[in-house]
Amino acid sequence: MVSLVSPIAAQRAACHDWRIVPGVRVGPITAAGTEPDLRRAFGDSAVVNEEVDVGEGMTEPGTVIYKRDPSRALSILWDGEGANKHPATIFVCYGLAEGSCRWQTGDGIRFGATLRELEALNRRPFVLTGFGWDYSGTVVSWEEGELARKLEGRGRLLLRLLPRADKDGETIPRLTPKEYGEVSGDRDISSSHAVMRKLDPAVYNMVFEFPKRARKQPGG
C-alpha cells in the first residue's frame, strides 16, 4: 500500500517527538541531512546561521534552531561546506541555564538526570571529570557498562553533570573545602566516590556527535 504521508510531513512529525537516538538522529536531524532539510522540518524562521559557542570562549560557524527558546534549542556544527555540508555535532538545549529541556533519549537520559539514575542505567559506576572548570563533570568512560553500548556505539552522546547549587552558589548539600577539593579540577573521578555520591550531580549539558565526526571534545 502506498503511503499518503509526504516526506516533509513525516519530518515535521519526527521533529516533535523530541527524541535523541544516539548516533542516529536528534528529532528529524540525521547525518545525511542538509540545511534545506532543517528549514523544511523546523520552518525557515526557526533556523538561523550564526557563530556557535563551543566552550572556553571559542566559537565556530554553525546553525541554531529555536534560538529564542533554550528549552528546545539546538545548535549545529557542520562537516563540509555549501551544498555538501552535513550535521556533525549538535549541542542540545543550547543556551539553557535553568528549567527543563524537551529533548531526551528513549531511556530518559535528559537534562536533570542524576548520577545515581545514570549508574542504574549503566548497571555499574562510570568515570567523570571534576568540577570547577569549563568541562565540569564530563563523562569520560562508562566503564564498559550498558551506556557505553547505547551512547557510544555509533557516534556519541556526551554528557556533563553538575551538583545543584543554592542562590549563593554553594553546592547542595554543602561540602567542606576538603570534600570539594576531592571532586574538583581537570581529573578523572569515579561516580562511586563518596563525595560524588553525596552530591548526586545531574546532567546539565548534552552534546550529540554523528559517526563521521572525529571524536574530539568540542572546543578542544
N, C-alpha and C. Protein backbone atom coordinates (compact mmCIF):
# COMPACT_ATOMS: atom_id res chain seq x y z
N MET A 1 0.84 -1.19 0.00
CA MET A 1 0.00 0.00 0.00
C MET A 1 0.88 1.24 0.00
N VAL A 2 0.59 2.21 -0.84
CA VAL A 2 1.38 3.43 -0.96
C VAL A 2 1.05 4.37 0.20
N SER A 3 2.10 4.88 0.87
CA SER A 3 1.89 5.82 1.97
C SER A 3 1.39 7.16 1.43
N LEU A 4 0.44 7.75 2.16
CA LEU A 4 -0.10 9.05 1.78
C LEU A 4 0.57 10.18 2.55
N VAL A 5 1.55 9.84 3.39
CA VAL A 5 2.25 10.84 4.19
C VAL A 5 3.46 11.36 3.41
N SER A 6 3.51 12.66 3.18
CA SER A 6 4.63 13.24 2.44
C SER A 6 5.90 13.19 3.27
N PRO A 7 7.09 13.18 2.63
CA PRO A 7 8.34 13.19 3.39
C PRO A 7 8.45 14.40 4.31
N ILE A 8 7.98 15.56 3.85
CA ILE A 8 8.05 16.76 4.69
C ILE A 8 7.16 16.61 5.91
N ALA A 9 5.95 16.08 5.72
CA ALA A 9 5.05 15.88 6.85
C ALA A 9 5.65 14.89 7.84
N ALA A 10 6.29 13.85 7.30
CA ALA A 10 6.91 12.86 8.19
C ALA A 10 8.04 13.50 8.99
N GLN A 11 8.83 14.36 8.35
CA GLN A 11 9.91 15.03 9.05
C GLN A 11 9.37 15.94 10.15
N ARG A 12 8.31 16.69 9.85
CA ARG A 12 7.75 17.58 10.85
C ARG A 12 7.22 16.79 12.05
N ALA A 13 6.62 15.63 11.79
CA ALA A 13 6.14 14.80 12.89
C ALA A 13 7.30 14.31 13.74
N ALA A 14 8.40 13.88 13.06
CA ALA A 14 9.56 13.37 13.80
C ALA A 14 10.19 14.44 14.67
N CYS A 15 10.20 15.69 14.20
CA CYS A 15 10.87 16.74 14.96
C CYS A 15 10.16 17.01 16.27
N HIS A 16 8.89 16.62 16.36
CA HIS A 16 8.14 16.90 17.58
C HIS A 16 8.05 15.68 18.50
N ASP A 17 8.83 14.62 18.22
CA ASP A 17 8.89 13.54 19.20
C ASP A 17 9.97 13.84 20.24
N TRP A 18 10.77 14.88 20.00
CA TRP A 18 11.80 15.34 20.95
C TRP A 18 12.74 14.20 21.35
N ARG A 19 12.96 13.26 20.44
CA ARG A 19 13.73 12.06 20.75
C ARG A 19 15.17 12.16 20.24
N ILE A 20 16.09 11.80 21.12
CA ILE A 20 17.50 11.66 20.75
C ILE A 20 17.81 10.18 20.62
N VAL A 21 18.27 9.76 19.46
CA VAL A 21 18.71 8.38 19.25
C VAL A 21 20.21 8.45 18.97
N PRO A 22 21.05 8.14 19.97
CA PRO A 22 22.50 8.32 19.81
C PRO A 22 23.04 7.70 18.53
N GLY A 23 23.82 8.50 17.81
CA GLY A 23 24.42 8.06 16.56
C GLY A 23 23.50 8.07 15.37
N VAL A 24 22.19 8.29 15.59
CA VAL A 24 21.21 8.19 14.50
C VAL A 24 20.53 9.52 14.22
N ARG A 25 19.91 10.14 15.23
CA ARG A 25 19.17 11.35 14.96
C ARG A 25 18.89 12.15 16.23
N VAL A 26 18.63 13.43 16.04
CA VAL A 26 18.02 14.29 17.05
C VAL A 26 16.75 14.81 16.39
N GLY A 27 15.59 14.30 16.80
CA GLY A 27 14.37 14.60 16.06
C GLY A 27 14.55 14.18 14.61
N PRO A 28 14.31 15.09 13.65
CA PRO A 28 14.45 14.73 12.25
C PRO A 28 15.87 14.91 11.70
N ILE A 29 16.80 15.34 12.53
CA ILE A 29 18.16 15.64 12.05
C ILE A 29 18.99 14.37 12.01
N THR A 30 19.45 14.00 10.83
CA THR A 30 20.31 12.83 10.65
C THR A 30 21.63 13.25 10.02
N ALA A 31 22.58 12.31 9.97
CA ALA A 31 23.89 12.60 9.39
C ALA A 31 23.79 12.95 7.92
N ALA A 32 22.76 12.49 7.23
CA ALA A 32 22.60 12.76 5.80
C ALA A 32 21.86 14.06 5.54
N GLY A 33 21.41 14.73 6.59
CA GLY A 33 20.61 15.94 6.43
C GLY A 33 21.40 17.12 5.88
N THR A 34 20.68 18.10 5.37
CA THR A 34 21.26 19.33 4.84
C THR A 34 20.56 20.52 5.49
N GLU A 35 21.10 21.70 5.25
CA GLU A 35 20.43 22.90 5.79
C GLU A 35 19.02 23.07 5.22
N PRO A 36 18.79 22.87 3.91
CA PRO A 36 17.41 22.94 3.42
C PRO A 36 16.48 21.94 4.11
N ASP A 37 17.00 20.75 4.46
CA ASP A 37 16.19 19.78 5.18
C ASP A 37 15.74 20.34 6.53
N LEU A 38 16.66 21.01 7.22
CA LEU A 38 16.33 21.61 8.51
C LEU A 38 15.24 22.66 8.36
N ARG A 39 15.36 23.47 7.33
CA ARG A 39 14.39 24.55 7.14
C ARG A 39 13.01 23.98 6.79
N ARG A 40 12.99 22.88 6.06
CA ARG A 40 11.71 22.24 5.77
C ARG A 40 11.11 21.62 7.03
N ALA A 41 11.96 21.01 7.86
CA ALA A 41 11.47 20.30 9.03
C ALA A 41 11.02 21.22 10.15
N PHE A 42 11.79 22.28 10.38
CA PHE A 42 11.52 23.15 11.53
C PHE A 42 10.85 24.47 11.15
N GLY A 43 10.87 24.79 9.88
CA GLY A 43 10.36 26.08 9.44
C GLY A 43 11.50 27.06 9.27
N ASP A 44 11.48 27.82 8.19
CA ASP A 44 12.60 28.70 7.84
C ASP A 44 12.90 29.71 8.94
N SER A 45 11.88 30.23 9.60
CA SER A 45 12.09 31.27 10.61
C SER A 45 12.76 30.74 11.87
N ALA A 46 12.74 29.41 12.08
CA ALA A 46 13.32 28.82 13.28
C ALA A 46 14.80 28.49 13.13
N VAL A 47 15.35 28.65 11.92
CA VAL A 47 16.72 28.24 11.62
C VAL A 47 17.57 29.47 11.30
N VAL A 48 18.64 29.68 12.09
CA VAL A 48 19.50 30.86 11.93
C VAL A 48 20.95 30.41 11.86
N ASN A 49 21.69 30.91 10.86
CA ASN A 49 23.12 30.66 10.78
C ASN A 49 23.88 31.71 11.57
N GLU A 50 24.72 31.28 12.50
CA GLU A 50 25.49 32.21 13.32
C GLU A 50 26.63 31.48 14.02
N GLU A 51 27.49 32.24 14.70
CA GLU A 51 28.58 31.63 15.46
C GLU A 51 28.02 30.86 16.65
N VAL A 52 28.57 29.67 16.89
CA VAL A 52 28.11 28.81 17.97
C VAL A 52 29.20 28.73 19.05
N ASP A 53 28.82 28.91 20.30
CA ASP A 53 29.73 28.81 21.43
C ASP A 53 30.11 27.35 21.64
N VAL A 54 31.41 27.04 21.58
CA VAL A 54 31.86 25.66 21.76
C VAL A 54 32.69 25.49 23.03
N GLY A 55 32.70 26.50 23.90
CA GLY A 55 33.41 26.41 25.17
C GLY A 55 34.74 27.13 25.19
N GLU A 56 35.19 27.48 26.41
CA GLU A 56 36.45 28.17 26.63
C GLU A 56 36.56 29.46 25.82
N GLY A 57 35.43 30.15 25.64
CA GLY A 57 35.41 31.42 24.93
C GLY A 57 35.56 31.32 23.43
N MET A 58 35.49 30.12 22.88
CA MET A 58 35.67 29.92 21.45
C MET A 58 34.33 29.73 20.76
N THR A 59 34.26 30.12 19.49
CA THR A 59 33.07 29.92 18.68
C THR A 59 33.45 29.31 17.34
N GLU A 60 32.47 28.69 16.69
CA GLU A 60 32.64 28.16 15.34
C GLU A 60 31.40 28.48 14.53
N PRO A 61 31.52 28.65 13.20
CA PRO A 61 30.33 28.89 12.37
C PRO A 61 29.37 27.71 12.47
N GLY A 62 28.11 28.01 12.62
CA GLY A 62 27.13 26.93 12.75
C GLY A 62 25.72 27.41 12.49
N THR A 63 24.77 26.65 12.97
CA THR A 63 23.35 26.92 12.77
C THR A 63 22.62 26.68 14.08
N VAL A 64 21.68 27.58 14.42
CA VAL A 64 20.90 27.43 15.65
C VAL A 64 19.42 27.30 15.29
N ILE A 65 18.76 26.36 15.92
CA ILE A 65 17.33 26.13 15.74
C ILE A 65 16.61 26.50 17.04
N TYR A 66 15.48 27.20 16.93
CA TYR A 66 14.71 27.63 18.11
C TYR A 66 15.57 28.48 19.05
N LYS A 67 16.30 29.43 18.50
CA LYS A 67 17.23 30.24 19.28
C LYS A 67 16.58 30.92 20.47
N ARG A 68 15.34 31.36 20.33
CA ARG A 68 14.68 32.11 21.40
C ARG A 68 14.07 31.25 22.48
N ASP A 69 14.18 29.93 22.34
CA ASP A 69 13.60 29.02 23.32
C ASP A 69 14.62 27.95 23.70
N PRO A 70 15.49 28.24 24.69
CA PRO A 70 16.53 27.27 25.06
C PRO A 70 16.00 25.91 25.49
N SER A 71 14.74 25.81 25.91
CA SER A 71 14.21 24.52 26.33
C SER A 71 14.09 23.54 25.17
N ARG A 72 14.17 24.04 23.94
CA ARG A 72 14.14 23.16 22.77
C ARG A 72 15.20 23.52 21.73
N ALA A 73 16.08 24.47 22.03
CA ALA A 73 17.08 24.95 21.06
C ALA A 73 18.13 23.89 20.76
N LEU A 74 18.58 23.87 19.50
CA LEU A 74 19.68 23.02 19.06
C LEU A 74 20.67 23.88 18.30
N SER A 75 21.95 23.71 18.56
CA SER A 75 22.96 24.37 17.72
C SER A 75 23.77 23.28 17.03
N ILE A 76 24.11 23.55 15.78
CA ILE A 76 24.71 22.53 14.92
C ILE A 76 26.03 23.01 14.34
N LEU A 77 27.06 22.17 14.43
CA LEU A 77 28.30 22.36 13.70
C LEU A 77 28.28 21.40 12.52
N TRP A 78 28.87 21.83 11.40
CA TRP A 78 28.75 21.08 10.15
C TRP A 78 30.07 20.47 9.71
N ASP A 79 29.97 19.36 8.96
CA ASP A 79 31.09 18.82 8.18
C ASP A 79 30.90 19.27 6.74
N GLY A 80 31.98 19.77 6.11
CA GLY A 80 31.89 20.19 4.72
C GLY A 80 31.39 21.62 4.58
N GLU A 81 31.18 22.02 3.35
CA GLU A 81 30.77 23.39 3.05
C GLU A 81 29.68 23.39 1.99
N GLY A 82 28.93 24.50 1.96
CA GLY A 82 27.92 24.70 0.93
C GLY A 82 26.92 23.57 0.88
N ALA A 83 26.58 23.16 -0.34
CA ALA A 83 25.57 22.12 -0.54
C ALA A 83 26.06 20.76 -0.05
N ASN A 84 27.37 20.62 0.19
CA ASN A 84 27.92 19.34 0.62
C ASN A 84 28.09 19.22 2.13
N LYS A 85 27.60 20.20 2.88
CA LYS A 85 27.77 20.11 4.33
C LYS A 85 26.63 19.33 4.97
N HIS A 86 26.99 18.58 6.02
CA HIS A 86 26.03 17.77 6.75
C HIS A 86 26.27 17.93 8.25
N PRO A 87 25.25 17.72 9.08
CA PRO A 87 25.43 17.89 10.53
C PRO A 87 26.51 16.97 11.09
N ALA A 88 27.33 17.52 11.97
CA ALA A 88 28.37 16.72 12.60
C ALA A 88 28.19 16.66 14.12
N THR A 89 27.95 17.82 14.74
CA THR A 89 27.81 17.92 16.19
C THR A 89 26.59 18.77 16.51
N ILE A 90 25.81 18.33 17.50
CA ILE A 90 24.62 19.08 17.91
C ILE A 90 24.68 19.32 19.41
N PHE A 91 24.59 20.59 19.81
CA PHE A 91 24.50 20.95 21.22
C PHE A 91 23.02 21.02 21.59
N VAL A 92 22.60 20.16 22.49
CA VAL A 92 21.19 20.01 22.83
C VAL A 92 20.76 21.06 23.86
N CYS A 93 19.58 21.65 23.65
CA CYS A 93 19.07 22.73 24.51
C CYS A 93 20.14 23.80 24.71
N TYR A 94 20.63 24.26 23.59
CA TYR A 94 21.72 25.24 23.53
C TYR A 94 21.34 26.51 24.28
N GLY A 95 22.19 26.91 25.22
CA GLY A 95 21.97 28.14 25.97
C GLY A 95 21.06 27.99 27.17
N LEU A 96 20.61 26.77 27.48
CA LEU A 96 19.70 26.59 28.61
C LEU A 96 20.45 26.75 29.93
N ALA A 97 20.02 27.71 30.74
CA ALA A 97 20.65 27.96 32.04
C ALA A 97 19.82 27.39 33.19
N GLU A 98 18.51 27.35 33.03
CA GLU A 98 17.64 26.79 34.05
C GLU A 98 16.36 26.29 33.40
N GLY A 99 15.63 25.47 34.14
CA GLY A 99 14.41 24.90 33.59
C GLY A 99 14.69 23.58 32.88
N SER A 100 13.65 22.99 32.32
CA SER A 100 13.77 21.67 31.71
C SER A 100 14.05 21.76 30.22
N CYS A 101 14.61 20.67 29.69
CA CYS A 101 14.91 20.54 28.26
C CYS A 101 13.96 19.51 27.68
N ARG A 102 13.39 19.77 26.52
CA ARG A 102 12.39 18.88 25.95
C ARG A 102 13.00 17.63 25.30
N TRP A 103 14.27 17.71 24.92
CA TRP A 103 14.90 16.60 24.21
C TRP A 103 15.41 15.55 25.20
N GLN A 104 15.21 14.26 24.90
CA GLN A 104 15.73 13.19 25.73
C GLN A 104 15.81 11.89 24.93
N THR A 105 16.53 10.93 25.48
CA THR A 105 16.62 9.62 24.84
C THR A 105 15.42 8.76 25.23
N GLY A 106 15.27 7.63 24.56
CA GLY A 106 14.19 6.71 24.89
C GLY A 106 14.32 6.13 26.28
N ASP A 107 15.54 6.13 26.84
CA ASP A 107 15.77 5.63 28.20
C ASP A 107 15.54 6.71 29.25
N GLY A 108 15.22 7.92 28.80
CA GLY A 108 15.00 9.00 29.75
C GLY A 108 16.25 9.75 30.15
N ILE A 109 17.34 9.60 29.39
CA ILE A 109 18.53 10.41 29.64
C ILE A 109 18.22 11.82 29.17
N ARG A 110 18.35 12.77 30.05
CA ARG A 110 17.85 14.13 29.82
C ARG A 110 18.60 15.10 30.72
N PHE A 111 18.39 16.39 30.50
CA PHE A 111 18.86 17.39 31.45
C PHE A 111 18.17 17.09 32.80
N GLY A 112 18.94 17.06 33.87
CA GLY A 112 18.39 16.78 35.19
C GLY A 112 18.51 15.33 35.61
N ALA A 113 18.86 14.42 34.70
CA ALA A 113 19.09 13.03 35.10
C ALA A 113 20.27 12.99 36.06
N THR A 114 20.14 12.29 37.18
CA THR A 114 21.16 12.32 38.22
C THR A 114 22.22 11.24 38.03
N LEU A 115 23.32 11.42 38.76
CA LEU A 115 24.40 10.44 38.74
C LEU A 115 23.87 9.06 39.12
N ARG A 116 23.03 8.99 40.13
CA ARG A 116 22.51 7.68 40.55
C ARG A 116 21.60 7.08 39.48
N GLU A 117 20.83 7.90 38.80
CA GLU A 117 19.99 7.39 37.70
C GLU A 117 20.86 6.83 36.59
N LEU A 118 21.93 7.56 36.25
CA LEU A 118 22.83 7.10 35.19
C LEU A 118 23.55 5.82 35.58
N GLU A 119 23.95 5.72 36.85
CA GLU A 119 24.58 4.48 37.31
C GLU A 119 23.61 3.30 37.17
N ALA A 120 22.35 3.53 37.48
CA ALA A 120 21.36 2.46 37.36
C ALA A 120 21.19 2.04 35.90
N LEU A 121 21.14 3.02 34.98
CA LEU A 121 21.01 2.69 33.56
C LEU A 121 22.27 1.99 33.04
N ASN A 122 23.41 2.40 33.58
CA ASN A 122 24.69 1.83 33.15
C ASN A 122 24.98 0.48 33.79
N ARG A 123 24.30 0.21 34.90
CA ARG A 123 24.46 -1.01 35.68
C ARG A 123 25.84 -1.15 36.31
N ARG A 124 26.51 -0.05 36.44
CA ARG A 124 27.80 -0.01 37.14
C ARG A 124 28.25 1.44 37.25
N PRO A 125 29.24 1.74 38.12
CA PRO A 125 29.77 3.10 38.19
C PRO A 125 30.45 3.49 36.87
N PHE A 126 30.61 4.79 36.67
CA PHE A 126 31.28 5.32 35.49
C PHE A 126 32.28 6.38 35.94
N VAL A 127 32.98 6.98 35.01
CA VAL A 127 34.04 7.95 35.33
C VAL A 127 33.70 9.30 34.72
N LEU A 128 33.84 10.35 35.53
CA LEU A 128 33.61 11.71 35.05
C LEU A 128 34.70 12.62 35.57
N THR A 129 34.84 13.79 34.94
CA THR A 129 35.85 14.74 35.38
C THR A 129 35.34 15.52 36.59
N GLY A 130 36.27 16.19 37.27
CA GLY A 130 35.92 17.00 38.43
C GLY A 130 35.20 18.29 38.04
N PHE A 131 34.79 19.05 39.06
CA PHE A 131 34.03 20.28 38.85
C PHE A 131 34.92 21.51 38.93
N GLY A 132 34.35 22.66 38.53
CA GLY A 132 35.05 23.93 38.69
C GLY A 132 35.85 24.38 37.49
N TRP A 133 35.53 23.87 36.29
CA TRP A 133 36.18 24.34 35.06
C TRP A 133 35.19 24.20 33.91
N ASP A 134 35.59 24.61 32.70
CA ASP A 134 34.65 24.67 31.57
C ASP A 134 33.98 23.34 31.26
N TYR A 135 34.69 22.24 31.42
CA TYR A 135 34.14 20.94 31.08
C TYR A 135 33.82 20.13 32.34
N SER A 136 33.29 20.81 33.34
CA SER A 136 32.95 20.17 34.61
C SER A 136 32.06 18.95 34.41
N GLY A 137 32.41 17.89 35.13
CA GLY A 137 31.54 16.73 35.19
C GLY A 137 31.34 15.99 33.88
N THR A 138 32.29 16.07 32.96
CA THR A 138 32.16 15.36 31.69
C THR A 138 32.36 13.86 31.89
N VAL A 139 31.41 13.07 31.42
CA VAL A 139 31.57 11.61 31.49
C VAL A 139 32.63 11.20 30.47
N VAL A 140 33.71 10.60 30.95
CA VAL A 140 34.81 10.21 30.06
C VAL A 140 34.87 8.71 29.83
N SER A 141 34.18 7.93 30.65
CA SER A 141 34.14 6.48 30.42
C SER A 141 32.93 5.89 31.13
N TRP A 142 32.22 5.01 30.40
CA TRP A 142 31.10 4.27 31.01
C TRP A 142 31.58 2.93 31.56
N GLU A 143 32.89 2.71 31.53
CA GLU A 143 33.49 1.52 32.12
C GLU A 143 32.86 0.21 31.60
N GLU A 144 32.61 0.20 30.29
CA GLU A 144 32.05 -0.97 29.61
C GLU A 144 30.67 -1.36 30.14
N GLY A 145 29.96 -0.38 30.67
CA GLY A 145 28.60 -0.61 31.12
C GLY A 145 27.59 -0.52 29.99
N GLU A 146 26.30 -0.61 30.32
CA GLU A 146 25.24 -0.59 29.33
C GLU A 146 25.26 0.69 28.50
N LEU A 147 25.58 1.81 29.10
CA LEU A 147 25.53 3.08 28.38
C LEU A 147 26.70 3.25 27.41
N ALA A 148 27.76 2.48 27.58
CA ALA A 148 28.84 2.50 26.59
C ALA A 148 28.30 2.04 25.24
N ARG A 149 27.51 0.99 25.28
CA ARG A 149 26.94 0.46 24.04
C ARG A 149 25.86 1.38 23.48
N LYS A 150 25.03 1.93 24.35
CA LYS A 150 23.90 2.72 23.90
C LYS A 150 24.28 4.13 23.45
N LEU A 151 25.27 4.72 24.11
CA LEU A 151 25.60 6.12 23.83
C LEU A 151 26.84 6.30 22.98
N GLU A 152 27.63 5.24 22.79
CA GLU A 152 28.90 5.40 22.07
C GLU A 152 29.09 4.36 20.97
N GLY A 153 28.11 3.53 20.70
CA GLY A 153 28.28 2.51 19.67
C GLY A 153 28.40 3.09 18.28
N ARG A 154 27.60 4.11 17.98
CA ARG A 154 27.64 4.80 16.69
C ARG A 154 27.62 6.29 17.00
N GLY A 155 28.70 6.97 16.70
CA GLY A 155 28.77 8.35 17.14
C GLY A 155 28.85 8.39 18.65
N ARG A 156 28.32 9.48 19.24
CA ARG A 156 28.43 9.59 20.69
C ARG A 156 27.41 10.60 21.21
N LEU A 157 26.87 10.32 22.39
CA LEU A 157 26.12 11.31 23.14
C LEU A 157 26.93 11.61 24.39
N LEU A 158 27.53 12.79 24.43
CA LEU A 158 28.40 13.20 25.53
C LEU A 158 27.56 13.89 26.60
N LEU A 159 27.75 13.49 27.86
CA LEU A 159 27.01 14.08 28.97
C LEU A 159 27.95 14.79 29.94
N ARG A 160 27.46 15.90 30.50
CA ARG A 160 28.18 16.60 31.56
C ARG A 160 27.23 16.82 32.73
N LEU A 161 27.76 16.69 33.95
CA LEU A 161 26.96 16.78 35.16
C LEU A 161 27.47 17.88 36.07
N LEU A 162 26.56 18.46 36.85
CA LEU A 162 26.91 19.45 37.87
C LEU A 162 26.07 19.20 39.11
N PRO A 163 26.63 19.52 40.30
CA PRO A 163 25.80 19.45 41.51
C PRO A 163 24.80 20.60 41.54
N ARG A 164 23.73 20.42 42.28
CA ARG A 164 22.78 21.51 42.49
C ARG A 164 23.46 22.59 43.32
N ALA A 165 23.00 23.84 43.16
CA ALA A 165 23.59 24.95 43.92
C ALA A 165 22.49 25.84 44.47
N ASP A 166 22.75 26.47 45.62
CA ASP A 166 21.79 27.41 46.18
C ASP A 166 21.99 28.78 45.56
N LYS A 167 21.23 29.78 46.03
CA LYS A 167 21.29 31.12 45.44
C LYS A 167 22.65 31.78 45.61
N ASP A 168 23.44 31.31 46.55
CA ASP A 168 24.78 31.86 46.77
C ASP A 168 25.85 31.07 46.03
N GLY A 169 25.43 30.08 45.26
CA GLY A 169 26.39 29.29 44.50
C GLY A 169 27.02 28.15 45.27
N GLU A 170 26.54 27.90 46.51
CA GLU A 170 27.06 26.80 47.30
C GLU A 170 26.39 25.49 46.87
N THR A 171 27.17 24.41 46.89
CA THR A 171 26.60 23.13 46.48
C THR A 171 25.53 22.66 47.45
N ILE A 172 24.58 21.92 46.93
CA ILE A 172 23.56 21.26 47.75
C ILE A 172 23.72 19.75 47.55
N PRO A 173 24.03 19.03 48.64
CA PRO A 173 24.30 19.50 50.00
C PRO A 173 25.64 20.22 50.09
N ARG A 174 25.81 20.99 51.17
CA ARG A 174 27.06 21.73 51.36
C ARG A 174 28.22 20.76 51.54
N LEU A 175 29.38 21.17 51.02
CA LEU A 175 30.60 20.40 51.18
C LEU A 175 31.63 21.19 51.96
N THR A 176 32.50 20.48 52.66
CA THR A 176 33.64 21.14 53.27
C THR A 176 34.65 21.44 52.16
N PRO A 177 35.58 22.39 52.38
CA PRO A 177 36.61 22.64 51.37
C PRO A 177 37.38 21.38 50.99
N LYS A 178 37.63 20.52 51.98
CA LYS A 178 38.35 19.28 51.69
C LYS A 178 37.53 18.39 50.77
N GLU A 179 36.23 18.26 51.04
CA GLU A 179 35.38 17.43 50.20
C GLU A 179 35.31 17.97 48.79
N TYR A 180 35.14 19.30 48.66
CA TYR A 180 35.04 19.87 47.32
C TYR A 180 36.34 19.66 46.55
N GLY A 181 37.46 19.77 47.24
CA GLY A 181 38.75 19.54 46.59
C GLY A 181 38.89 18.13 46.05
N GLU A 182 38.20 17.17 46.67
CA GLU A 182 38.28 15.79 46.23
C GLU A 182 37.55 15.54 44.91
N VAL A 183 36.61 16.43 44.54
CA VAL A 183 35.82 16.21 43.33
C VAL A 183 35.91 17.39 42.36
N SER A 184 36.96 18.17 42.45
CA SER A 184 37.10 19.33 41.56
C SER A 184 38.37 19.22 40.73
N GLY A 185 38.39 19.99 39.62
CA GLY A 185 39.56 20.05 38.78
C GLY A 185 39.52 19.11 37.59
N ASP A 186 40.48 19.30 36.70
CA ASP A 186 40.58 18.53 35.45
C ASP A 186 41.24 17.18 35.73
N ARG A 187 40.46 16.27 36.32
CA ARG A 187 40.94 14.93 36.59
C ARG A 187 39.78 13.96 36.60
N ASP A 188 40.06 12.69 36.44
CA ASP A 188 39.02 11.67 36.36
C ASP A 188 38.65 11.15 37.74
N ILE A 189 37.34 11.02 37.98
CA ILE A 189 36.84 10.59 39.29
C ILE A 189 35.71 9.58 39.08
N SER A 190 35.70 8.53 39.85
CA SER A 190 34.63 7.53 39.73
C SER A 190 33.32 8.07 40.31
N SER A 191 32.22 7.69 39.67
CA SER A 191 30.91 8.07 40.20
C SER A 191 30.66 7.41 41.55
N SER A 192 31.43 6.39 41.88
CA SER A 192 31.27 5.71 43.16
C SER A 192 32.00 6.41 44.30
N HIS A 193 32.77 7.47 43.99
CA HIS A 193 33.46 8.24 45.03
C HIS A 193 32.42 8.74 46.03
N ALA A 194 32.75 8.67 47.30
CA ALA A 194 31.79 9.01 48.36
C ALA A 194 31.23 10.42 48.22
N VAL A 195 32.08 11.39 47.85
CA VAL A 195 31.60 12.76 47.74
C VAL A 195 30.74 12.92 46.49
N MET A 196 31.10 12.26 45.40
CA MET A 196 30.25 12.29 44.21
C MET A 196 28.86 11.75 44.52
N ARG A 197 28.82 10.66 45.24
CA ARG A 197 27.53 10.06 45.57
C ARG A 197 26.74 10.96 46.54
N LYS A 198 27.44 11.64 47.42
CA LYS A 198 26.79 12.58 48.33
C LYS A 198 26.15 13.73 47.55
N LEU A 199 26.86 14.25 46.54
CA LEU A 199 26.35 15.37 45.73
C LEU A 199 25.25 14.92 44.78
N ASP A 200 25.39 13.70 44.21
CA ASP A 200 24.47 13.18 43.20
C ASP A 200 24.20 14.23 42.12
N PRO A 201 25.27 14.69 41.42
CA PRO A 201 25.11 15.74 40.40
C PRO A 201 24.19 15.29 39.27
N ALA A 202 23.69 16.27 38.51
CA ALA A 202 22.72 15.99 37.45
C ALA A 202 23.22 16.51 36.11
N VAL A 203 22.72 15.94 35.04
CA VAL A 203 23.10 16.34 33.68
C VAL A 203 22.69 17.79 33.42
N TYR A 204 23.66 18.60 32.94
CA TYR A 204 23.37 19.99 32.58
C TYR A 204 23.76 20.30 31.14
N ASN A 205 24.38 19.33 30.46
CA ASN A 205 24.87 19.57 29.12
C ASN A 205 24.89 18.25 28.35
N MET A 206 24.40 18.29 27.10
CA MET A 206 24.38 17.10 26.25
C MET A 206 24.87 17.48 24.86
N VAL A 207 25.86 16.76 24.36
CA VAL A 207 26.43 17.02 23.04
C VAL A 207 26.34 15.75 22.21
N PHE A 208 25.66 15.85 21.08
CA PHE A 208 25.42 14.71 20.19
C PHE A 208 26.41 14.78 19.04
N GLU A 209 27.09 13.66 18.75
CA GLU A 209 28.03 13.61 17.64
C GLU A 209 27.67 12.48 16.69
N PHE A 210 27.64 12.77 15.40
CA PHE A 210 27.39 11.73 14.39
C PHE A 210 28.65 10.91 14.17
N PRO A 211 28.54 9.69 13.65
CA PRO A 211 29.69 8.81 13.49
C PRO A 211 30.82 9.39 12.66
N LYS A 212 30.50 10.16 11.61
CA LYS A 212 31.55 10.64 10.72
C LYS A 212 32.40 11.73 11.36
N ARG A 213 31.91 12.31 12.44
CA ARG A 213 32.65 13.39 13.11
C ARG A 213 33.79 12.80 13.92
N ALA A 214 34.99 13.38 13.80
CA ALA A 214 36.11 12.94 14.62
C ALA A 214 35.74 13.14 16.09
N ARG A 215 36.06 12.17 16.92
CA ARG A 215 35.66 12.22 18.33
C ARG A 215 36.60 13.11 19.13
N LYS A 216 36.46 14.39 18.93
CA LYS A 216 37.24 15.33 19.73
C LYS A 216 36.28 16.14 20.57
N GLN A 217 36.73 16.56 21.72
CA GLN A 217 35.89 17.34 22.61
C GLN A 217 35.65 18.71 22.00
N PRO A 218 34.40 19.16 21.86
CA PRO A 218 34.14 20.48 21.29
C PRO A 218 34.95 21.55 22.00
N GLY A 219 35.65 22.36 21.22
CA GLY A 219 36.46 23.42 21.80
C GLY A 219 37.85 22.95 22.19
N GLY A 220 38.09 21.63 22.07
CA GLY A 220 39.39 21.11 22.47
C GLY A 220 40.35 21.04 21.30
